[in-house]
């Protein structure tokens, strides 16, 4: 779920963030993990991004606003480090094609892979990237895409970029993965409270962030030092001094209220489940008492007693899945963290400017 944020998507009516990402973008990258199979002998501890990859992701996501976009990550798996050396974007024409999405998307990726191989560029799929709004990426479609990739690429990652937060002066870029135990439970359809408790998986263990390291070649570092103006403030430095935080806080609070409503709805589902179980148990006890009385009468009359179990009438109520609850809780935590960071930075700026005025 991604509450509130209704974004215009090309060729489609306005839809919530989750639906927009799943139908317009994520289904395009979900098709192609089989092009690369990678072993997972050791755990993944670092994602190393080349500077050109970061620039390509930023340019693609910023130019496509307000549409949410996605693309493919290419690179190598070296020990405990995943090196992302290149990437390419999925165009909107491929992502919007609902009729021939499989054939069109696969054909586009194969053509890109062929072109990259001809120019001696790494063409191993290691994951995908996607844009987001207000830092929300915890959706069911993202989990399904991860599970699909994980079948062949054990160390796949998703790079999430938030253009709106980056516009405030800080690069909002993170690498995320799913916990392996959670992936196995998701494949088996065992997401009840008992299953998650046995595997010691809490809501905060579904997604985990991997540190990102930006890599520059020696020539790139030398060129950057040569072009950098001494003692000059960059655009990012100026953006960080912006005191206008009201719109950002207002959008986060509105989304936070939507998440609270979703949490209440999930709690009502749990309450309804327990009421249904209690009602069924009471009905079964009443029926069993009547059946036993009837059997006593039949024994007194010398007749064969009836069975005291009726599997047709009292079927067990299926236990609820906690996946939606976990996703909404993750979104709620993200909004709270963003509000905390934005408020702290705003207060720090106000104290600095107050001191400067004195």
Foldseek 3Di string as FASTA:
>chain_A
DQPDDFADDPPDHTDGPQVQCQQQELVLLLQDLVVAFDDPPDAAFEEEEEPVAVVVVLVVQVVPPPRKFKWFFFADDDHNYTYTYDIDTDDRVLSNDPPPNNVVSVVVLVVVLVVCVVVPHGRHTQEMEIEDELPADLDPSVLSSQLSNCVGHVRHWYWYFYNVVVLLQDGPIWIKHADPLVSVCVVVVNQFPVSCVVVVHDLVRGMDTHHYHYDYDPVRVVVCVVPDDPPDDDPSNVSLLDLPCVVVLVVLVVSLVVLVVVLVVVVVVVVVLVVVQVVLVVVLVVLLVVLVVVQVVCVVVVHDRDDSDDCVPRPDDDGDGCSSVSSSVVSNVSSVVVNVVSVVSSVVSVVVVVVVVD
